[in-house]
Amino acid sequence: MRTDATTRRRGVGQAVLDRIVADARAAGVTRLLLETGTGPMFDAAHRLYARNGFAPCRPFAGYVATDFNRFLSLAL
């Protein structure tokens, strides 16, 4: 996900992530996995995910690890 530049730093990304986590829990999901990019453009996303308990994990679902992606997981 990416927040539009005009609405960044207003909690929009956190609100979207909160909804994803809440819906996943309500559906009985026990773990969330995500793949994201690397580099300065993704620093804010990495901080958001870390603040919310996401931790590095191995690639999943056929993804291949490269220098340009990261894999994160959150136990629910």
PDB file of N, CA and C in Angstrom:
ATOM      1  N   MET A   1       0.844  -1.171   0.000  1.00  0.00           N
ATOM      2  CA  MET A   1       0.000   0.000   0.000  1.00  0.00           C
ATOM      3  C   MET A   1       0.885   1.227   0.000  1.00  0.00           C
ATOM      4  N   ARG A   2       0.384   2.276  -0.526  1.00  0.00           N
ATOM      5  CA  ARG A   2       1.131   3.525  -0.549  1.00  0.00           C
ATOM      6  C   ARG A   2       0.144   4.656  -0.320  1.00  0.00           C
ATOM      7  N   THR A   3       0.487   5.559   0.575  1.00  0.00           N
ATOM      8  CA  THR A   3      -0.373   6.695   0.877  1.00  0.00           C
ATOM      9  C   THR A   3      -0.044   7.846  -0.064  1.00  0.00           C
ATOM     10  N   ASP A   4      -1.059   8.497  -0.560  1.00  0.00           N
ATOM     11  CA  ASP A   4      -0.867   9.653  -1.424  1.00  0.00           C
ATOM     12  C   ASP A   4      -0.043  10.712  -0.691  1.00  0.00           C
ATOM     13  N   ALA A   5       0.827  11.373  -1.427  1.00  0.00           N
ATOM     14  CA  ALA A   5       1.738  12.356  -0.826  1.00  0.00           C
ATOM     15  C   ALA A   5       1.000  13.442  -0.042  1.00  0.00           C
ATOM     16  N   THR A   6      -0.187  13.800  -0.458  1.00  0.00           N
ATOM     17  CA  THR A   6      -0.926  14.876   0.219  1.00  0.00           C
ATOM     18  C   THR A   6      -1.519  14.437   1.553  1.00  0.00           C
ATOM     19  N   THR A   7      -1.545  13.125   1.818  1.00  0.00           N
ATOM     20  CA  THR A   7      -2.129  12.646   3.079  1.00  0.00           C
ATOM     21  C   THR A   7      -1.136  11.889   3.948  1.00  0.00           C
ATOM     22  N   ARG A   8       0.126  11.923   3.596  1.00  0.00           N
ATOM     23  CA  ARG A   8       1.128  11.223   4.399  1.00  0.00           C
ATOM     24  C   ARG A   8       1.292  11.882   5.757  1.00  0.00           C
ATOM     25  N   ARG A   9       1.692  11.033   6.727  1.00  0.00           N
ATOM     26  CA  ARG A   9       1.973  11.468   8.100  1.00  0.00           C
ATOM     27  C   ARG A   9       0.705  11.925   8.820  1.00  0.00           C
ATOM     28  N   ARG A  10      -0.442  11.374   8.400  1.00  0.00           N
ATOM     29  CA  ARG A  10      -1.709  11.685   9.056  1.00  0.00           C
ATOM     30  C   ARG A  10      -2.379  10.433   9.612  1.00  0.00           C
ATOM     31  N   GLY A  11      -1.666   9.314   9.604  1.00  0.00           N
ATOM     32  CA  GLY A  11      -2.219   8.093  10.174  1.00  0.00           C
ATOM     33  C   GLY A  11      -3.025   7.234   9.220  1.00  0.00           C
ATOM     34  N   VAL A  12      -3.031   7.579   7.952  1.00  0.00           N
ATOM     35  CA  VAL A  12      -3.813   6.812   6.977  1.00  0.00           C
ATOM     36  C   VAL A  12      -3.275   5.391   6.841  1.00  0.00           C
ATOM     37  N   GLY A  13      -1.967   5.247   6.693  1.00  0.00           N
ATOM     38  CA  GLY A  13      -1.372   3.910   6.580  1.00  0.00           C
ATOM     39  C   GLY A  13      -1.652   3.077   7.815  1.00  0.00           C
ATOM     40  N   GLN A  14      -1.552   3.683   8.985  1.00  0.00           N
ATOM     41  CA  GLN A  14      -1.839   2.963  10.230  1.00  0.00           C
ATOM     42  C   GLN A  14      -3.294   2.528  10.268  1.00  0.00           C
ATOM     43  N   ALA A  15      -4.198   3.395   9.853  1.00  0.00           N
ATOM     44  CA  ALA A  15      -5.624   3.059   9.854  1.00  0.00           C
ATOM     45  C   ALA A  15      -5.907   1.893   8.900  1.00  0.00           C
ATOM     46  N   VAL A  16      -5.298   1.908   7.736  1.00  0.00           N
ATOM     47  CA  VAL A  16      -5.494   0.815   6.779  1.00  0.00           C
ATOM     48  C   VAL A  16      -4.939  -0.486   7.357  1.00  0.00           C
ATOM     49  N   LEU A  17      -3.735  -0.430   7.916  1.00  0.00           N
ATOM     50  CA  LEU A  17      -3.136  -1.627   8.503  1.00  0.00           C
ATOM     51  C   LEU A  17      -3.972  -2.134   9.680  1.00  0.00           C
ATOM     52  N   ASP A  18      -4.471  -1.238  10.514  1.00  0.00           N
ATOM     53  CA  ASP A  18      -5.329  -1.645  11.634  1.00  0.00           C
ATOM     54  C   ASP A  18      -6.550  -2.402  11.122  1.00  0.00           C
ATOM     55  N   ARG A  19      -7.146  -1.923  10.049  1.00  0.00           N
ATOM     56  CA  ARG A  19      -8.326  -2.579   9.482  1.00  0.00           C
ATOM     57  C   ARG A  19      -7.975  -3.955   8.923  1.00  0.00           C
ATOM     58  N   ILE A  20      -6.855  -4.058   8.231  1.00  0.00           N
ATOM     59  CA  ILE A  20      -6.422  -5.349   7.698  1.00  0.00           C
ATOM     60  C   ILE A  20      -6.228  -6.355   8.833  1.00  0.00           C
ATOM     61  N   VAL A  21      -5.544  -5.927   9.883  1.00  0.00           N
ATOM     62  CA  VAL A  21      -5.283  -6.812  11.023  1.00  0.00           C
ATOM     63  C   VAL A  21      -6.603  -7.206  11.701  1.00  0.00           C
ATOM     64  N   ALA A  22      -7.488  -6.254  11.917  1.00  0.00           N
ATOM     65  CA  ALA A  22      -8.771  -6.542  12.570  1.00  0.00           C
ATOM     66  C   ALA A  22      -9.602  -7.513  11.731  1.00  0.00           C
ATOM     67  N   ASP A  23      -9.672  -7.281  10.423  1.00  0.00           N
ATOM     68  CA  ASP A  23     -10.444  -8.173   9.555  1.00  0.00           C
ATOM     69  C   ASP A  23      -9.830  -9.569   9.523  1.00  0.00           C
ATOM     70  N   ALA A  24      -8.507  -9.646   9.502  1.00  0.00           N
ATOM     71  CA  ALA A  24      -7.835 -10.948   9.496  1.00  0.00           C
ATOM     72  C   ALA A  24      -8.131 -11.697  10.785  1.00  0.00           C
ATOM     73  N   ARG A  25      -8.034 -11.019  11.910  1.00  0.00           N
ATOM     74  CA  ARG A  25      -8.342 -11.666  13.199  1.00  0.00           C
ATOM     75  C   ARG A  25      -9.788 -12.153  13.233  1.00  0.00           C
ATOM     76  N   ALA A  26     -10.705 -11.309  12.776  1.00  0.00           N
ATOM     77  CA  ALA A  26     -12.124 -11.671  12.783  1.00  0.00           C
ATOM     78  C   ALA A  26     -12.385 -12.887  11.894  1.00  0.00           C
ATOM     79  N   ALA A  27     -11.582 -13.059  10.862  1.00  0.00           N
ATOM     80  CA  ALA A  27     -11.739 -14.191   9.947  1.00  0.00           C
ATOM     81  C   ALA A  27     -11.000 -15.435  10.437  1.00  0.00           C
ATOM     82  N   GLY A  28     -10.313 -15.319  11.574  1.00  0.00           N
ATOM     83  CA  GLY A  28      -9.591 -16.464  12.113  1.00  0.00           C
ATOM     84  C   GLY A  28      -8.208 -16.683  11.536  1.00  0.00           C
ATOM     85  N   VAL A  29      -7.693 -15.697  10.835  1.00  0.00           N
ATOM     86  CA  VAL A  29      -6.336 -15.783  10.279  1.00  0.00           C
ATOM     87  C   VAL A  29      -5.351 -15.748  11.443  1.00  0.00           C
ATOM     88  N   THR A  30      -4.327 -16.571  11.390  1.00  0.00           N
ATOM     89  CA  THR A  30      -3.370 -16.633  12.495  1.00  0.00           C
ATOM     90  C   THR A  30      -2.024 -15.985  12.177  1.00  0.00           C
ATOM     91  N   ARG A  31      -1.808 -15.627  10.913  1.00  0.00           N
ATOM     92  CA  ARG A  31      -0.536 -14.997  10.547  1.00  0.00           C
ATOM     93  C   ARG A  31      -0.726 -14.188   9.283  1.00  0.00           C
ATOM     94  N   LEU A  32      -0.151 -12.992   9.273  1.00  0.00           N
ATOM     95  CA  LEU A  32      -0.119 -12.160   8.069  1.00  0.00           C
ATOM     96  C   LEU A  32       1.291 -12.185   7.512  1.00  0.00           C
ATOM     97  N   LEU A  33       1.401 -12.263   6.202  1.00  0.00           N
ATOM     98  CA  LEU A  33       2.686 -12.226   5.516  1.00  0.00           C
ATOM     99  C   LEU A  33       2.654 -11.089   4.515  1.00  0.00           C
ATOM    100  N   LEU A  34       3.773 -10.395   4.381  1.00  0.00           N
ATOM    101  CA  LEU A  34       3.832  -9.359   3.357  1.00  0.00           C
ATOM    102  C   LEU A  34       5.194  -9.301   2.717  1.00  0.00           C
ATOM    103  N   GLU A  35       5.176  -8.836   1.492  1.00  0.00           N
ATOM    104  CA  GLU A  35       6.400  -8.609   0.716  1.00  0.00           C
ATOM    105  C   GLU A  35       6.408  -7.122   0.420  1.00  0.00           C
ATOM    106  N   THR A  36       7.536  -6.483   0.650  1.00  0.00           N
ATOM    107  CA  THR A  36       7.659  -5.054   0.405  1.00  0.00           C
ATOM    108  C   THR A  36       9.000  -4.769  -0.250  1.00  0.00           C
ATOM    109  N   GLY A  37       9.174  -3.554  -0.686  1.00  0.00           N
ATOM    110  CA  GLY A  37      10.404  -3.174  -1.357  1.00  0.00           C
ATOM    111  C   GLY A  37      11.484  -2.731  -0.392  1.00  0.00           C
ATOM    112  N   THR A  38      12.588  -2.298  -0.955  1.00  0.00           N
ATOM    113  CA  THR A  38      13.715  -1.810  -0.171  1.00  0.00           C
ATOM    114  C   THR A  38      14.109  -0.428  -0.664  1.00  0.00           C
ATOM    115  N   GLY A  39      14.966   0.212   0.086  1.00  0.00           N
ATOM    116  CA  GLY A  39      15.460   1.523  -0.295  1.00  0.00           C
ATOM    117  C   GLY A  39      14.708   2.628   0.420  1.00  0.00           C
ATOM    118  N   PRO A  40      15.192   3.849   0.289  1.00  0.00           N
ATOM    119  CA  PRO A  40      14.628   4.990   1.014  1.00  0.00           C
ATOM    120  C   PRO A  40      13.127   5.186   0.800  1.00  0.00           C
ATOM    121  N   MET A  41      12.634   4.866  -0.377  1.00  0.00           N
ATOM    122  CA  MET A  41      11.214   5.034  -0.672  1.00  0.00           C
ATOM    123  C   MET A  41      10.330   4.177   0.244  1.00  0.00           C
ATOM    124  N   PHE A  42      10.896   3.103   0.802  1.00  0.00           N
ATOM    125  CA  PHE A  42      10.140   2.170   1.631  1.00  0.00           C
ATOM    126  C   PHE A  42      10.451   2.314   3.125  1.00  0.00           C
ATOM    127  N   ASP A  43      11.296   3.241   3.498  1.00  0.00           N
ATOM    128  CA  ASP A  43      11.682   3.386   4.910  1.00  0.00           C
ATOM    129  C   ASP A  43      10.485   3.622   5.826  1.00  0.00           C
ATOM    130  N   ALA A  44       9.566   4.482   5.427  1.00  0.00           N
ATOM    131  CA  ALA A  44       8.390   4.760   6.262  1.00  0.00           C
ATOM    132  C   ALA A  44       7.541   3.499   6.423  1.00  0.00           C
ATOM    133  N   ALA A  45       7.386   2.735   5.363  1.00  0.00           N
ATOM    134  CA  ALA A  45       6.618   1.487   5.446  1.00  0.00           C
ATOM    135  C   ALA A  45       7.300   0.509   6.397  1.00  0.00           C
ATOM    136  N   HIS A  46       8.611   0.392   6.312  1.00  0.00           N
ATOM    137  CA  HIS A  46       9.340  -0.519   7.206  1.00  0.00           C
ATOM    138  C   HIS A  46       9.143  -0.112   8.666  1.00  0.00           C
ATOM    139  N   ARG A  47       9.156   1.185   8.934  1.00  0.00           N
ATOM    140  CA  ARG A  47       8.930   1.653  10.308  1.00  0.00           C
ATOM    141  C   ARG A  47       7.506   1.332  10.761  1.00  0.00           C
ATOM    142  N   LEU A  48       6.532   1.539   9.886  1.00  0.00           N
ATOM    143  CA  LEU A  48       5.139   1.227  10.203  1.00  0.00           C
ATOM    144  C   LEU A  48       4.988  -0.248  10.542  1.00  0.00           C
ATOM    145  N   TYR A  49       5.529  -1.114   9.712  1.00  0.00           N
ATOM    146  CA  TYR A  49       5.396  -2.545   9.949  1.00  0.00           C
ATOM    147  C   TYR A  49       6.125  -2.969  11.230  1.00  0.00           C
ATOM    148  N   ALA A  50       7.309  -2.439  11.460  1.00  0.00           N
ATOM    149  CA  ALA A  50       8.061  -2.783  12.676  1.00  0.00           C
ATOM    150  C   ALA A  50       7.308  -2.321  13.926  1.00  0.00           C
ATOM    151  N   ARG A  51       6.758  -1.122  13.875  1.00  0.00           N
ATOM    152  CA  ARG A  51       5.974  -0.591  15.004  1.00  0.00           C
ATOM    153  C   ARG A  51       4.788  -1.482  15.329  1.00  0.00           C
ATOM    154  N   ASN A  52       4.295  -2.169  14.336  1.00  0.00           N
ATOM    155  CA  ASN A  52       3.117  -3.014  14.500  1.00  0.00           C
ATOM    156  C   ASN A  52       3.455  -4.482  14.700  1.00  0.00           C
ATOM    157  N   GLY A  53       4.722  -4.776  14.949  1.00  0.00           N
ATOM    158  CA  GLY A  53       5.110  -6.130  15.315  1.00  0.00           C
ATOM    159  C   GLY A  53       5.499  -7.058  14.183  1.00  0.00           C
ATOM    160  N   PHE A  54       5.540  -6.572  12.963  1.00  0.00           N
ATOM    161  CA  PHE A  54       5.986  -7.417  11.853  1.00  0.00           C
ATOM    162  C   PHE A  54       7.478  -7.690  12.001  1.00  0.00           C
ATOM    163  N   ALA A  55       7.877  -8.900  11.707  1.00  0.00           N
ATOM    164  CA  ALA A  55       9.280  -9.303  11.816  1.00  0.00           C
ATOM    165  C   ALA A  55       9.718  -9.945  10.500  1.00  0.00           C
ATOM    166  N   PRO A  56      11.014  -9.884  10.207  1.00  0.00           N
ATOM    167  CA  PRO A  56      11.505 -10.511   8.979  1.00  0.00           C
ATOM    168  C   PRO A  56      11.174 -12.008   8.953  1.00  0.00           C
ATOM    169  N   CYS A  57      10.901 -12.505   7.765  1.00  0.00           N
ATOM    170  CA  CYS A  57      10.641 -13.930   7.579  1.00  0.00           C
ATOM    171  C   CYS A  57      11.208 -14.359   6.223  1.00  0.00           C
ATOM    172  N   ARG A  58      11.121 -15.640   5.975  1.00  0.00           N
ATOM    173  CA  ARG A  58      11.600 -16.190   4.711  1.00  0.00           C
ATOM    174  C   ARG A  58      10.604 -15.871   3.591  1.00  0.00           C
ATOM    175  N   PRO A  59      11.053 -15.880   2.349  1.00  0.00           N
ATOM    176  CA  PRO A  59      10.124 -15.693   1.228  1.00  0.00           C
ATOM    177  C   PRO A  59       9.010 -16.749   1.282  1.00  0.00           C
ATOM    178  N   PHE A  60       7.876 -16.418   0.723  1.00  0.00           N
ATOM    179  CA  PHE A  60       6.703 -17.288   0.753  1.00  0.00           C
ATOM    180  C   PHE A  60       5.964 -17.188  -0.577  1.00  0.00           C
ATOM    181  N   ALA A  61       5.059 -18.125  -0.794  1.00  0.00           N
ATOM    182  CA  ALA A  61       4.127 -18.094  -1.942  1.00  0.00           C
ATOM    183  C   ALA A  61       4.824 -17.935  -3.294  1.00  0.00           C
ATOM    184  N   GLY A  62       5.984 -18.517  -3.418  1.00  0.00           N
ATOM    185  CA  GLY A  62       6.676 -18.456  -4.702  1.00  0.00           C
ATOM    186  C   GLY A  62       7.513 -17.210  -4.937  1.00  0.00           C
ATOM    187  N   TYR A  63       7.490 -16.272  -3.995  1.00  0.00           N
ATOM    188  CA  TYR A  63       8.357 -15.099  -4.124  1.00  0.00           C
ATOM    189  C   TYR A  63       9.815 -15.544  -4.057  1.00  0.00           C
ATOM    190  N   VAL A  64      10.668 -14.788  -4.712  1.00  0.00           N
ATOM    191  CA  VAL A  64      12.108 -15.030  -4.675  1.00  0.00           C
ATOM    192  C   VAL A  64      12.760 -13.814  -4.030  1.00  0.00           C
ATOM    193  N   ALA A  65      13.621 -14.044  -3.070  1.00  0.00           N
ATOM    194  CA  ALA A  65      14.317 -12.949  -2.409  1.00  0.00           C
ATOM    195  C   ALA A  65      15.327 -12.322  -3.367  1.00  0.00           C
ATOM    196  N   THR A  66      15.336 -10.999  -3.395  1.00  0.00           N
ATOM    197  CA  THR A  66      16.314 -10.245  -4.185  1.00  0.00           C
ATOM    198  C   THR A  66      16.818  -9.097  -3.314  1.00  0.00           C
ATOM    199  N   ASP A  67      17.690  -8.291  -3.870  1.00  0.00           N
ATOM    200  CA  ASP A  67      18.159  -7.106  -3.151  1.00  0.00           C
ATOM    201  C   ASP A  67      17.068  -6.035  -3.060  1.00  0.00           C
ATOM    202  N   PHE A  68      15.962  -6.237  -3.760  1.00  0.00           N
ATOM    203  CA  PHE A  68      14.946  -5.205  -3.871  1.00  0.00           C
ATOM    204  C   PHE A  68      13.644  -5.526  -3.138  1.00  0.00           C
ATOM    205  N   ASN A  69      13.634  -6.604  -2.335  1.00  0.00           N
ATOM    206  CA  ASN A  69      12.416  -6.888  -1.592  1.00  0.00           C
ATOM    207  C   ASN A  69      12.741  -7.409  -0.199  1.00  0.00           C
ATOM    208  N   ARG A  70      11.726  -7.333   0.661  1.00  0.00           N
ATOM    209  CA  ARG A  70      11.791  -7.816   2.030  1.00  0.00           C
ATOM    210  C   ARG A  70      10.524  -8.598   2.313  1.00  0.00           C
ATOM    211  N   PHE A  71      10.628  -9.544   3.228  1.00  0.00           N
ATOM    212  CA  PHE A  71       9.488 -10.372   3.613  1.00  0.00           C
ATOM    213  C   PHE A  71       9.284 -10.224   5.111  1.00  0.00           C
ATOM    214  N   LEU A  72       8.039  -9.992   5.492  1.00  0.00           N
ATOM    215  CA  LEU A  72       7.710  -9.765   6.894  1.00  0.00           C
ATOM    216  C   LEU A  72       6.494 -10.601   7.284  1.00  0.00           C
ATOM    217  N   SER A  73       6.405 -10.899   8.583  1.00  0.00           N
ATOM    218  CA  SER A  73       5.305 -11.709   9.082  1.00  0.00           C
ATOM    219  C   SER A  73       4.840 -11.169  10.415  1.00  0.00           C
ATOM    220  N   LEU A  74       3.553 -11.362  10.692  1.00  0.00           N
ATOM    221  CA  LEU A  74       2.965 -10.962  11.960  1.00  0.00           C
ATOM    222  C   LEU A  74       2.060 -12.079  12.440  1.00  0.00           C
ATOM    223  N   ALA A  75       2.377 -12.624  13.617  1.00  0.00           N
ATOM    224  CA  ALA A  75       1.502 -13.636  14.235  1.00  0.00           C
ATOM    225  C   ALA A  75       0.315 -12.910  14.845  1.00  0.00           C
ATOM    226  N   LEU A  76      -0.864 -13.440  14.611  1.00  0.00           N
ATOM    227  CA  LEU A  76      -2.086 -12.814  15.155  1.00  0.00           C
ATOM    228  C   LEU A  76      -2.605 -13.598  16.341  1.00  0.00           C
TER     229      LEU A  76
END
